[in-house]
Amino acid sequence: MSDLGSEEGDESGEAGADIGEYEGDRNSEGERHGFGKARLPNGDTYEGEYKHGLRSGRGTYRFKNGALYTGDYLENKKHGKGVFFYPDGSKYAGDWMHDQRQGYGEYLYANGDTYTGEWADNKRHGQGTYVYKDTGSKYVGAWVNGIQEGPAELIHLNHRFKGRFLNGKPLGPGKFIFDMGCEQHGEYIEPEQEKEEEEEDEPPLPVEPKWKASEITKLTPWSPHEEEPAPREAEGAVTEEEKIPSVTVTAEGGGHEPSSEDFNPASNGGEGEGREEEVNQGQ
């Protein structure tokens, strides 16, 4: 990812070809230094600060395809605080390091979803909150290389789920907490796949984790950072699995068991990763 364009090169005397037009301050060596305006041969423009011929300091870079970045630069790379507006209407505002989204920032996706939290190497990484515009649901928890992974809480309109995620799917012990004042404890398990001899050479199809309920209790304290404790006996608790009522929920609070599509933002088209590479094609 880079917006260097054709401006990257030797600008000491501007005697070469394809270095673009420039109007602004220079130092004693003839380098662009201070405030200036530049038009690159590919049609992009830059207006802002230079140091020794390179974009450094505050500036605004406009791409000919409609994208725009305004913020800090260091030696021709986005570095510091800045806002990037993408051609499809999405936007990132936050920290940058060496042309990468790095640190803390907020991404507004084209479909209206938002992510606010930590970034590393252009990907959601660390702690962050992803809000699904269509349902109003929120994922609050850990991310690894752009994927939901680690302890987290998924908050819906009338209930929430606490547990752990792996590769974008809930897995292992957890519990559903309902606004009516009760909890359903259990775990997400991966069903075993039946192997057929004729299909040994074919890659296995992805298997959706299944929710297995174990007990319904009153509200109990629990942190997803710890192993799921055995729910303590409570008045009215149901301990026999066959007595557990069929409580199934979705991201919208509807009537089927939740699947990975309810949790993973990559499935709803709001991702936008790699969009900056598209912005810079042809430069």
C-alpha atoms as a PDB file:
ATOM      1  CA  MET A   1       0.000   0.000   0.000  1.00  0.00           C
ATOM      2  CA  SER A   2       1.508   3.300  -1.044  1.00  0.00           C
ATOM      3  CA  ASP A   3       0.547   6.602  -2.574  1.00  0.00           C
ATOM      4  CA  LEU A   4       4.032   7.502  -3.687  1.00  0.00           C
ATOM      5  CA  GLY A   5       3.095   7.565  -7.346  1.00  0.00           C
ATOM      6  CA  SER A   6       5.494   9.092  -9.852  1.00  0.00           C
ATOM      7  CA  GLU A   7       6.680  11.648  -7.344  1.00  0.00           C
ATOM      8  CA  GLU A   8       9.023   9.059  -5.900  1.00  0.00           C
ATOM      9  CA  GLY A   9      12.474   9.706  -7.312  1.00  0.00           C
ATOM     10  CA  ASP A  10      15.353  12.141  -7.449  1.00  0.00           C
ATOM     11  CA  GLU A  11      14.063  15.698  -7.136  1.00  0.00           C
ATOM     12  CA  SER A  12      17.345  17.441  -6.374  1.00  0.00           C
ATOM     13  CA  GLY A  13      17.347  19.490  -9.538  1.00  0.00           C
ATOM     14  CA  GLU A  14      14.078  18.501 -11.236  1.00  0.00           C
ATOM     15  CA  ALA A  15      16.050  17.841 -14.389  1.00  0.00           C
ATOM     16  CA  GLY A  16      14.695  14.351 -14.980  1.00  0.00           C
ATOM     17  CA  ALA A  17      11.481  13.256 -16.658  1.00  0.00           C
ATOM     18  CA  ASP A  18       8.164  12.280 -15.079  1.00  0.00           C
ATOM     19  CA  ILE A  19       8.653  14.124 -11.795  1.00  0.00           C
ATOM     20  CA  GLY A  20       5.504  16.234 -12.061  1.00  0.00           C
ATOM     21  CA  GLU A  21       4.823  19.922 -11.545  1.00  0.00           C
ATOM     22  CA  TYR A  22       5.673  21.711  -8.301  1.00  0.00           C
ATOM     23  CA  GLU A  23       4.975  25.139  -6.876  1.00  0.00           C
ATOM     24  CA  GLY A  24       6.322  26.012  -3.448  1.00  0.00           C
ATOM     25  CA  ASP A  25       9.293  26.343  -1.150  1.00  0.00           C
ATOM     26  CA  ARG A  26      12.758  24.914  -1.736  1.00  0.00           C
ATOM     27  CA  ASN A  27      15.961  24.696   0.248  1.00  0.00           C
ATOM     28  CA  SER A  28      19.433  25.812  -0.818  1.00  0.00           C
ATOM     29  CA  GLU A  29      19.994  22.480  -2.593  1.00  0.00           C
ATOM     30  CA  GLY A  30      16.921  23.021  -4.726  1.00  0.00           C
ATOM     31  CA  GLU A  31      14.920  20.299  -3.015  1.00  0.00           C
ATOM     32  CA  ARG A  32      11.239  20.695  -2.244  1.00  0.00           C
ATOM     33  CA  HIS A  33      11.361  21.898   1.343  1.00  0.00           C
ATOM     34  CA  GLY A  34       8.614  23.669   3.266  1.00  0.00           C
ATOM     35  CA  PHE A  35       5.084  24.113   1.955  1.00  0.00           C
ATOM     36  CA  GLY A  36       4.226  23.323  -1.632  1.00  0.00           C
ATOM     37  CA  LYS A  37       1.757  22.019  -4.190  1.00  0.00           C
ATOM     38  CA  ALA A  38       2.544  19.206  -6.606  1.00  0.00           C
ATOM     39  CA  ARG A  39       0.767  17.577  -9.524  1.00  0.00           C
ATOM     40  CA  LEU A  40       2.031  14.120 -10.431  1.00  0.00           C
ATOM     41  CA  PRO A  41       2.159  12.833 -14.007  1.00  0.00           C
ATOM     42  CA  ASN A  42      -0.530  10.238 -13.164  1.00  0.00           C
ATOM     43  CA  GLY A  43      -3.009  12.987 -12.233  1.00  0.00           C
ATOM     44  CA  ASP A  44      -2.733  12.754  -8.432  1.00  0.00           C
ATOM     45  CA  THR A  45      -2.062  15.935  -6.462  1.00  0.00           C
ATOM     46  CA  TYR A  46      -0.424  16.738  -3.142  1.00  0.00           C
ATOM     47  CA  GLU A  47      -0.576  19.909  -1.077  1.00  0.00           C
ATOM     48  CA  GLY A  48       1.340  20.156   2.147  1.00  0.00           C
ATOM     49  CA  GLU A  49       4.733  20.048   3.783  1.00  0.00           C
ATOM     50  CA  TYR A  50       8.013  18.753   2.365  1.00  0.00           C
ATOM     51  CA  LYS A  51      11.390  18.032   3.893  1.00  0.00           C
ATOM     52  CA  HIS A  52      14.421  17.474   1.671  1.00  0.00           C
ATOM     53  CA  GLY A  53      12.307  16.588  -1.340  1.00  0.00           C
ATOM     54  CA  LEU A  54       9.958  14.161   0.444  1.00  0.00           C
ATOM     55  CA  ARG A  55       6.450  14.571   1.804  1.00  0.00           C
ATOM     56  CA  SER A  56       6.935  15.024   5.551  1.00  0.00           C
ATOM     57  CA  GLY A  57       4.565  16.760   7.945  1.00  0.00           C
ATOM     58  CA  ARG A  58       0.901  17.578   7.374  1.00  0.00           C
ATOM     59  CA  GLY A  59      -0.510  17.249   3.909  1.00  0.00           C
ATOM     60  CA  THR A  60      -3.428  16.260   1.678  1.00  0.00           C
ATOM     61  CA  TYR A  61      -3.038  13.738  -1.145  1.00  0.00           C
ATOM     62  CA  ARG A  62      -5.839  13.487  -3.724  1.00  0.00           C
ATOM     63  CA  PHE A  63      -6.021  10.477  -6.001  1.00  0.00           C
ATOM     64  CA  LYS A  64      -7.447  10.902  -9.479  1.00  0.00           C
ATOM     65  CA  ASN A  65      -9.964   8.108  -8.775  1.00  0.00           C
ATOM     66  CA  GLY A  66     -11.583  10.125  -5.963  1.00  0.00           C
ATOM     67  CA  ALA A  67      -9.747   8.738  -2.944  1.00  0.00           C
ATOM     68  CA  LEU A  68      -8.209  11.226  -0.520  1.00  0.00           C
ATOM     69  CA  TYR A  69      -5.791  11.132   2.400  1.00  0.00           C
ATOM     70  CA  THR A  70      -5.248  14.035   4.755  1.00  0.00           C
ATOM     71  CA  GLY A  71      -2.895  13.777   7.710  1.00  0.00           C
ATOM     72  CA  ASP A  72       0.698  13.197   8.695  1.00  0.00           C
ATOM     73  CA  TYR A  73       3.523  12.068   6.415  1.00  0.00           C
ATOM     74  CA  LEU A  74       7.063  10.931   7.066  1.00  0.00           C
ATOM     75  CA  GLU A  75       9.445  10.484   4.115  1.00  0.00           C
ATOM     76  CA  ASN A  76       6.632  10.015   1.578  1.00  0.00           C
ATOM     77  CA  LYS A  77       4.677   7.563   3.771  1.00  0.00           C
ATOM     78  CA  LYS A  78       1.525   8.011   5.813  1.00  0.00           C
ATOM     79  CA  HIS A  79       2.837   8.105   9.372  1.00  0.00           C
ATOM     80  CA  GLY A  80       1.089   9.544  12.428  1.00  0.00           C
ATOM     81  CA  LYS A  81      -2.557  10.645  12.495  1.00  0.00           C
ATOM     82  CA  GLY A  82      -4.620  10.744   9.339  1.00  0.00           C
ATOM     83  CA  VAL A  83      -7.944  10.151   7.596  1.00  0.00           C
ATOM     84  CA  PHE A  84      -8.306   8.132   4.394  1.00  0.00           C
ATOM     85  CA  PHE A  85     -11.489   8.470   2.306  1.00  0.00           C
ATOM     86  CA  TYR A  86     -11.989   5.591  -0.138  1.00  0.00           C
ATOM     87  CA  PRO A  87     -13.799   5.797  -3.495  1.00  0.00           C
ATOM     88  CA  ASP A  88     -16.605   3.469  -2.330  1.00  0.00           C
ATOM     89  CA  GLY A  89     -17.537   5.787   0.564  1.00  0.00           C
ATOM     90  CA  SER A  90     -15.702   3.955   3.328  1.00  0.00           C
ATOM     91  CA  LYS A  91     -13.327   5.823   5.639  1.00  0.00           C
ATOM     92  CA  TYR A  92     -10.506   5.152   8.091  1.00  0.00           C
ATOM     93  CA  ALA A  93      -9.501   7.685  10.736  1.00  0.00           C
ATOM     94  CA  GLY A  94      -6.693   6.932  13.139  1.00  0.00           C
ATOM     95  CA  ASP A  95      -3.047   5.986  13.494  1.00  0.00           C
ATOM     96  CA  TRP A  96      -0.657   5.161  10.646  1.00  0.00           C
ATOM     97  CA  MET A  97       2.865   3.779  10.559  1.00  0.00           C
ATOM     98  CA  HIS A  98       4.947   3.387   7.395  1.00  0.00           C
ATOM     99  CA  ASP A  99       1.852   3.536   5.143  1.00  0.00           C
ATOM    100  CA  GLN A 100      -0.025   0.928   7.229  1.00  0.00           C
ATOM    101  CA  ARG A 101      -3.033   1.236   9.518  1.00  0.00           C
ATOM    102  CA  GLN A 102      -1.238   0.696  12.811  1.00  0.00           C
ATOM    103  CA  GLY A 103      -2.278   1.625  16.344  1.00  0.00           C
ATOM    104  CA  TYR A 104      -5.790   2.802  17.156  1.00  0.00           C
ATOM    105  CA  GLY A 105      -8.428   3.858  14.654  1.00  0.00           C
ATOM    106  CA  GLU A 106     -12.005   3.702  13.411  1.00  0.00           C
ATOM    107  CA  TYR A 107     -13.073   2.225  10.076  1.00  0.00           C
ATOM    108  CA  LEU A 108     -16.478   3.052   8.600  1.00  0.00           C
ATOM    109  CA  TYR A 109     -17.245   0.404   5.973  1.00  0.00           C
ATOM    110  CA  ALA A 110     -19.247   0.924   2.803  1.00  0.00           C
ATOM    111  CA  ASN A 111     -22.171  -1.132   4.125  1.00  0.00           C
ATOM    112  CA  GLY A 112     -22.442   0.991   7.290  1.00  0.00           C
ATOM    113  CA  ASP A 113     -20.620  -1.380   9.661  1.00  0.00           C
ATOM    114  CA  THR A 114     -17.964   0.147  11.909  1.00  0.00           C
ATOM    115  CA  TYR A 115     -14.860  -1.112  13.667  1.00  0.00           C
ATOM    116  CA  THR A 116     -13.215   0.868  16.458  1.00  0.00           C
ATOM    117  CA  GLY A 117     -10.082  -0.451  18.093  1.00  0.00           C
ATOM    118  CA  GLU A 118      -6.532  -1.609  17.568  1.00  0.00           C
ATOM    119  CA  TRP A 119      -4.791  -2.241  14.227  1.00  0.00           C
ATOM    120  CA  ALA A 120      -1.550  -3.850  13.090  1.00  0.00           C
ATOM    121  CA  ASP A 121      -0.243  -4.166   9.516  1.00  0.00           C
ATOM    122  CA  ASN A 122      -3.508  -2.862   8.039  1.00  0.00           C
ATOM    123  CA  LYS A 123      -5.612  -5.475   9.892  1.00  0.00           C
ATOM    124  CA  ARG A 124      -7.844  -5.452  12.952  1.00  0.00           C
ATOM    125  CA  HIS A 125      -5.525  -6.770  15.652  1.00  0.00           C
ATOM    126  CA  GLY A 126      -5.861  -6.500  19.428  1.00  0.00           C
ATOM    127  CA  GLN A 127      -8.956  -5.282  21.239  1.00  0.00           C
ATOM    128  CA  GLY A 128     -11.792  -3.766  19.251  1.00  0.00           C
ATOM    129  CA  THR A 129     -15.525  -3.361  18.737  1.00  0.00           C
ATOM    130  CA  TYR A 130     -17.297  -4.248  15.484  1.00  0.00           C
ATOM    131  CA  VAL A 131     -20.873  -2.953  15.063  1.00  0.00           C
ATOM    132  CA  TYR A 132     -23.193  -4.530  12.484  1.00  0.00           C
ATOM    133  CA  LYS A 133     -25.410  -1.811  11.066  1.00  0.00           C
ATOM    134  CA  ASP A 134     -28.198  -4.105   9.795  1.00  0.00           C
ATOM    135  CA  THR A 135     -28.840  -5.850  13.125  1.00  0.00           C
ATOM    136  CA  GLY A 136     -27.352  -3.451  15.686  1.00  0.00           C
ATOM    137  CA  SER A 137     -25.320  -6.329  17.133  1.00  0.00           C
ATOM    138  CA  LYS A 138     -21.818  -5.693  18.488  1.00  0.00           C
ATOM    139  CA  TYR A 139     -18.737  -7.880  18.808  1.00  0.00           C
ATOM    140  CA  VAL A 140     -16.534  -6.641  21.661  1.00  0.00           C
ATOM    141  CA  GLY A 141     -13.302  -8.507  22.163  1.00  0.00           C
ATOM    142  CA  ALA A 142     -10.065  -9.795  20.727  1.00  0.00           C
ATOM    143  CA  TRP A 143      -8.848  -9.891  17.104  1.00  0.00           C
ATOM    144  CA  VAL A 144      -5.878 -11.605  15.487  1.00  0.00           C
ATOM    145  CA  ASN A 145      -4.813 -10.624  11.961  1.00  0.00           C
ATOM    146  CA  GLY A 146      -8.264  -9.340  11.069  1.00  0.00           C
ATOM    147  CA  ILE A 147     -10.168 -12.338  12.481  1.00  0.00           C
ATOM    148  CA  GLN A 148     -12.245 -12.610  15.652  1.00  0.00           C
ATOM    149  CA  GLU A 149     -10.127 -14.716  17.991  1.00  0.00           C
ATOM    150  CA  GLY A 150      -9.916 -14.837  21.786  1.00  0.00           C
ATOM    151  CA  PRO A 151     -12.236 -13.872  24.641  1.00  0.00           C
ATOM    152  CA  ALA A 152     -15.161 -11.724  23.526  1.00  0.00           C
ATOM    153  CA  GLU A 153     -18.754 -10.715  24.059  1.00  0.00           C
ATOM    154  CA  LEU A 154     -21.373 -10.620  21.309  1.00  0.00           C
ATOM    155  CA  ILE A 155     -24.171  -8.213  22.219  1.00  0.00           C
ATOM    156  CA  HIS A 156     -27.593  -8.416  20.571  1.00  0.00           C
ATOM    157  CA  LEU A 157     -30.810  -6.466  21.142  1.00  0.00           C
ATOM    158  CA  ASN A 158     -32.251  -8.684  23.887  1.00  0.00           C
ATOM    159  CA  HIS A 159     -29.440 -11.065  24.816  1.00  0.00           C
ATOM    160  CA  ARG A 160     -25.684 -11.498  24.638  1.00  0.00           C
ATOM    161  CA  PHE A 161     -23.108 -14.251  24.376  1.00  0.00           C
ATOM    162  CA  LYS A 162     -19.885 -14.490  26.366  1.00  0.00           C
ATOM    163  CA  GLY A 163     -17.189 -16.917  25.376  1.00  0.00           C
ATOM    164  CA  ARG A 164     -14.134 -17.450  23.216  1.00  0.00           C
ATOM    165  CA  PHE A 165     -13.693 -17.298  19.452  1.00  0.00           C
ATOM    166  CA  LEU A 166     -11.340 -19.143  17.150  1.00  0.00           C
ATOM    167  CA  ASN A 167     -10.934 -18.302  13.450  1.00  0.00           C
ATOM    168  CA  GLY A 168     -14.007 -16.094  13.543  1.00  0.00           C
ATOM    169  CA  LYS A 169     -16.290 -18.679  15.179  1.00  0.00           C
ATOM    170  CA  PRO A 170     -17.360 -19.257  18.796  1.00  0.00           C
ATOM    171  CA  LEU A 171     -15.729 -22.361  20.245  1.00  0.00           C
ATOM    172  CA  GLY A 172     -15.588 -23.890  23.700  1.00  0.00           C
ATOM    173  CA  PRO A 173     -17.355 -22.962  26.957  1.00  0.00           C
ATOM    174  CA  GLY A 174     -19.601 -19.926  27.086  1.00  0.00           C
ATOM    175  CA  LYS A 175     -23.011 -18.695  28.059  1.00  0.00           C
ATOM    176  CA  PHE A 176     -25.988 -16.792  26.686  1.00  0.00           C
ATOM    177  CA  ILE A 177     -27.307 -14.061  28.967  1.00  0.00           C
ATOM    178  CA  PHE A 178     -30.928 -13.050  28.470  1.00  0.00           C
ATOM    179  CA  ASP A 179     -32.527  -9.773  29.504  1.00  0.00           C
ATOM    180  CA  MET A 180     -35.301 -11.721  31.254  1.00  0.00           C
ATOM    181  CA  GLY A 181     -32.759 -12.498  33.975  1.00  0.00           C
ATOM    182  CA  CYS A 182     -31.431 -15.979  33.252  1.00  0.00           C
ATOM    183  CA  GLU A 183     -28.437 -17.597  31.620  1.00  0.00           C
ATOM    184  CA  GLN A 184     -27.937 -20.649  29.454  1.00  0.00           C
ATOM    185  CA  HIS A 185     -24.553 -22.266  30.000  1.00  0.00           C
ATOM    186  CA  GLY A 186     -22.943 -24.635  27.569  1.00  0.00           C
ATOM    187  CA  GLU A 187     -20.273 -24.873  24.912  1.00  0.00           C
ATOM    188  CA  TYR A 188     -19.740 -24.681  21.178  1.00  0.00           C
ATOM    189  CA  ILE A 189     -18.336 -27.934  19.856  1.00  0.00           C
ATOM    190  CA  GLU A 190     -17.085 -28.952  16.438  1.00  0.00           C
ATOM    191  CA  PRO A 191     -19.034 -31.910  15.053  1.00  0.00           C
ATOM    192  CA  GLU A 192     -16.921 -34.800  13.822  1.00  0.00           C
ATOM    193  CA  GLN A 193     -16.832 -35.170  10.068  1.00  0.00           C
ATOM    194  CA  GLU A 194     -17.556 -38.500   8.501  1.00  0.00           C
ATOM    195  CA  LYS A 195     -14.736 -39.497   6.159  1.00  0.00           C
ATOM    196  CA  GLU A 196     -15.509 -41.339   2.977  1.00  0.00           C
ATOM    197  CA  GLU A 197     -12.821 -43.271   1.119  1.00  0.00           C
ATOM    198  CA  GLU A 198     -13.795 -41.750  -2.211  1.00  0.00           C
ATOM    199  CA  GLU A 199     -13.303 -38.231  -0.903  1.00  0.00           C
ATOM    200  CA  GLU A 200      -9.973 -38.666   0.870  1.00  0.00           C
ATOM    201  CA  ASP A 201      -8.148 -36.461  -1.625  1.00  0.00           C
ATOM    202  CA  GLU A 202     -10.706 -33.632  -1.372  1.00  0.00           C
ATOM    203  CA  PRO A 203     -10.251 -30.930   1.272  1.00  0.00           C
ATOM    204  CA  PRO A 204     -12.782 -31.180   4.104  1.00  0.00           C
ATOM    205  CA  LEU A 205     -15.692 -28.765   4.049  1.00  0.00           C
ATOM    206  CA  PRO A 206     -15.836 -26.209   6.868  1.00  0.00           C
ATOM    207  CA  VAL A 207     -17.913 -27.426   9.801  1.00  0.00           C
ATOM    208  CA  GLU A 208     -20.015 -25.009  11.828  1.00  0.00           C
ATOM    209  CA  PRO A 209     -19.651 -25.326  15.620  1.00  0.00           C
ATOM    210  CA  LYS A 210     -22.831 -26.486  17.355  1.00  0.00           C
ATOM    211  CA  TRP A 211     -24.138 -25.079  20.622  1.00  0.00           C
ATOM    212  CA  LYS A 212     -24.625 -27.707  23.338  1.00  0.00           C
ATOM    213  CA  ALA A 213     -26.526 -26.416  26.354  1.00  0.00           C
ATOM    214  CA  SER A 214     -25.799 -27.827  29.802  1.00  0.00           C
ATOM    215  CA  GLU A 215     -27.703 -25.741  32.342  1.00  0.00           C
ATOM    216  CA  ILE A 216     -29.976 -22.757  32.848  1.00  0.00           C
ATOM    217  CA  THR A 217     -29.355 -20.617  35.944  1.00  0.00           C
ATOM    218  CA  LYS A 218     -29.905 -17.211  37.366  1.00  0.00           C
ATOM    219  CA  LEU A 219     -27.359 -14.535  36.458  1.00  0.00           C
ATOM    220  CA  THR A 220     -23.831 -15.482  37.556  1.00  0.00           C
ATOM    221  CA  PRO A 221     -20.516 -13.593  37.309  1.00  0.00           C
ATOM    222  CA  TRP A 222     -18.070 -14.911  34.742  1.00  0.00           C
ATOM    223  CA  SER A 223     -15.219 -13.525  32.675  1.00  0.00           C
ATOM    224  CA  PRO A 224     -14.372 -14.885  29.198  1.00  0.00           C
ATOM    225  CA  HIS A 225     -10.704 -14.472  30.107  1.00  0.00           C
ATOM    226  CA  GLU A 226     -11.033 -17.417  32.459  1.00  0.00           C
ATOM    227  CA  GLU A 227     -12.045 -21.010  31.971  1.00  0.00           C
ATOM    228  CA  GLU A 228     -15.791 -21.536  32.179  1.00  0.00           C
ATOM    229  CA  PRO A 229     -16.563 -22.454  35.820  1.00  0.00           C
ATOM    230  CA  ALA A 230     -19.190 -25.024  36.607  1.00  0.00           C
ATOM    231  CA  PRO A 231     -22.360 -22.991  37.202  1.00  0.00           C
ATOM    232  CA  ARG A 232     -23.241 -23.068  40.874  1.00  0.00           C
ATOM    233  CA  GLU A 233     -26.501 -24.598  41.924  1.00  0.00           C
ATOM    234  CA  ALA A 234     -29.217 -21.969  42.048  1.00  0.00           C
ATOM    235  CA  GLU A 235     -32.825 -22.087  43.011  1.00  0.00           C
ATOM    236  CA  GLY A 236     -34.789 -23.259  40.058  1.00  0.00           C
ATOM    237  CA  ALA A 237     -31.656 -24.386  38.145  1.00  0.00           C
ATOM    238  CA  VAL A 238     -32.126 -27.241  35.701  1.00  0.00           C
ATOM    239  CA  THR A 239     -29.248 -29.689  35.756  1.00  0.00           C
ATOM    240  CA  GLU A 240     -30.566 -32.515  33.659  1.00  0.00           C
ATOM    241  CA  GLU A 241     -29.887 -31.938  29.982  1.00  0.00           C
ATOM    242  CA  GLU A 242     -33.159 -33.505  28.922  1.00  0.00           C
ATOM    243  CA  LYS A 243     -35.047 -30.901  31.004  1.00  0.00           C
ATOM    244  CA  ILE A 244     -33.434 -27.929  29.253  1.00  0.00           C
ATOM    245  CA  PRO A 245     -35.938 -26.086  27.108  1.00  0.00           C
ATOM    246  CA  SER A 246     -35.032 -25.455  23.510  1.00  0.00           C
ATOM    247  CA  VAL A 247     -33.525 -21.962  23.670  1.00  0.00           C
ATOM    248  CA  THR A 248     -32.113 -21.028  20.312  1.00  0.00           C
ATOM    249  CA  VAL A 249     -31.104 -17.552  19.247  1.00  0.00           C
ATOM    250  CA  THR A 250     -29.637 -15.629  16.354  1.00  0.00           C
ATOM    251  CA  ALA A 251     -27.894 -12.296  15.909  1.00  0.00           C
ATOM    252  CA  GLU A 252     -31.348 -10.805  15.428  1.00  0.00           C
ATOM    253  CA  GLY A 253     -32.874 -12.761  18.332  1.00  0.00           C
ATOM    254  CA  GLY A 254     -34.829 -14.961  15.944  1.00  0.00           C
ATOM    255  CA  GLY A 255     -35.594 -18.647  15.926  1.00  0.00           C
ATOM    256  CA  HIS A 256     -32.564 -20.633  14.798  1.00  0.00           C
ATOM    257  CA  GLU A 257     -29.294 -21.566  16.408  1.00  0.00           C
ATOM    258  CA  PRO A 258     -26.521 -19.000  15.895  1.00  0.00           C
ATOM    259  CA  SER A 259     -23.913 -19.780  13.253  1.00  0.00           C
ATOM    260  CA  SER A 260     -20.563 -18.270  12.345  1.00  0.00           C
ATOM    261  CA  GLU A 261     -22.323 -15.913   9.916  1.00  0.00           C
ATOM    262  CA  ASP A 262     -23.817 -14.155  12.949  1.00  0.00           C
ATOM    263  CA  PHE A 263     -20.334 -13.492  14.318  1.00  0.00           C
ATOM    264  CA  ASN A 264     -17.927 -12.993  11.409  1.00  0.00           C
ATOM    265  CA  PRO A 265     -17.898  -9.535   9.781  1.00  0.00           C
ATOM    266  CA  ALA A 266     -16.098 -10.902   6.735  1.00  0.00           C
ATOM    267  CA  SER A 267     -19.294 -12.613   5.622  1.00  0.00           C
ATOM    268  CA  ASN A 268     -21.313  -9.426   5.139  1.00  0.00           C
ATOM    269  CA  GLY A 269     -19.199  -7.608   2.592  1.00  0.00           C
ATOM    270  CA  GLY A 270     -18.055  -4.766   4.829  1.00  0.00           C
ATOM    271  CA  GLU A 271     -14.441  -5.659   5.085  1.00  0.00           C
ATOM    272  CA  GLY A 272     -12.576  -3.297   2.788  1.00  0.00           C
ATOM    273  CA  GLU A 273      -9.156  -4.838   3.454  1.00  0.00           C
ATOM    274  CA  GLY A 274      -6.865  -4.353   0.492  1.00  0.00           C
ATOM    275  CA  ARG A 275      -8.828  -1.350  -0.729  1.00  0.00           C
ATOM    276  CA  GLU A 276      -5.802   0.894  -0.582  1.00  0.00           C
ATOM    277  CA  GLU A 277      -3.966  -1.426  -2.935  1.00  0.00           C
ATOM    278  CA  GLU A 278      -6.818  -0.876  -5.411  1.00  0.00           C
ATOM    279  CA  VAL A 279      -6.559   2.868  -4.913  1.00  0.00           C
ATOM    280  CA  ASN A 280      -2.936   2.816  -5.919  1.00  0.00           C
ATOM    281  CA  GLN A 281      -3.163   0.620  -8.990  1.00  0.00           C
ATOM    282  CA  GLY A 282      -1.720   2.235 -12.066  1.00  0.00           C
ATOM    283  CA  GLN A 283       0.471   4.679 -10.195  1.00  0.00           C
END
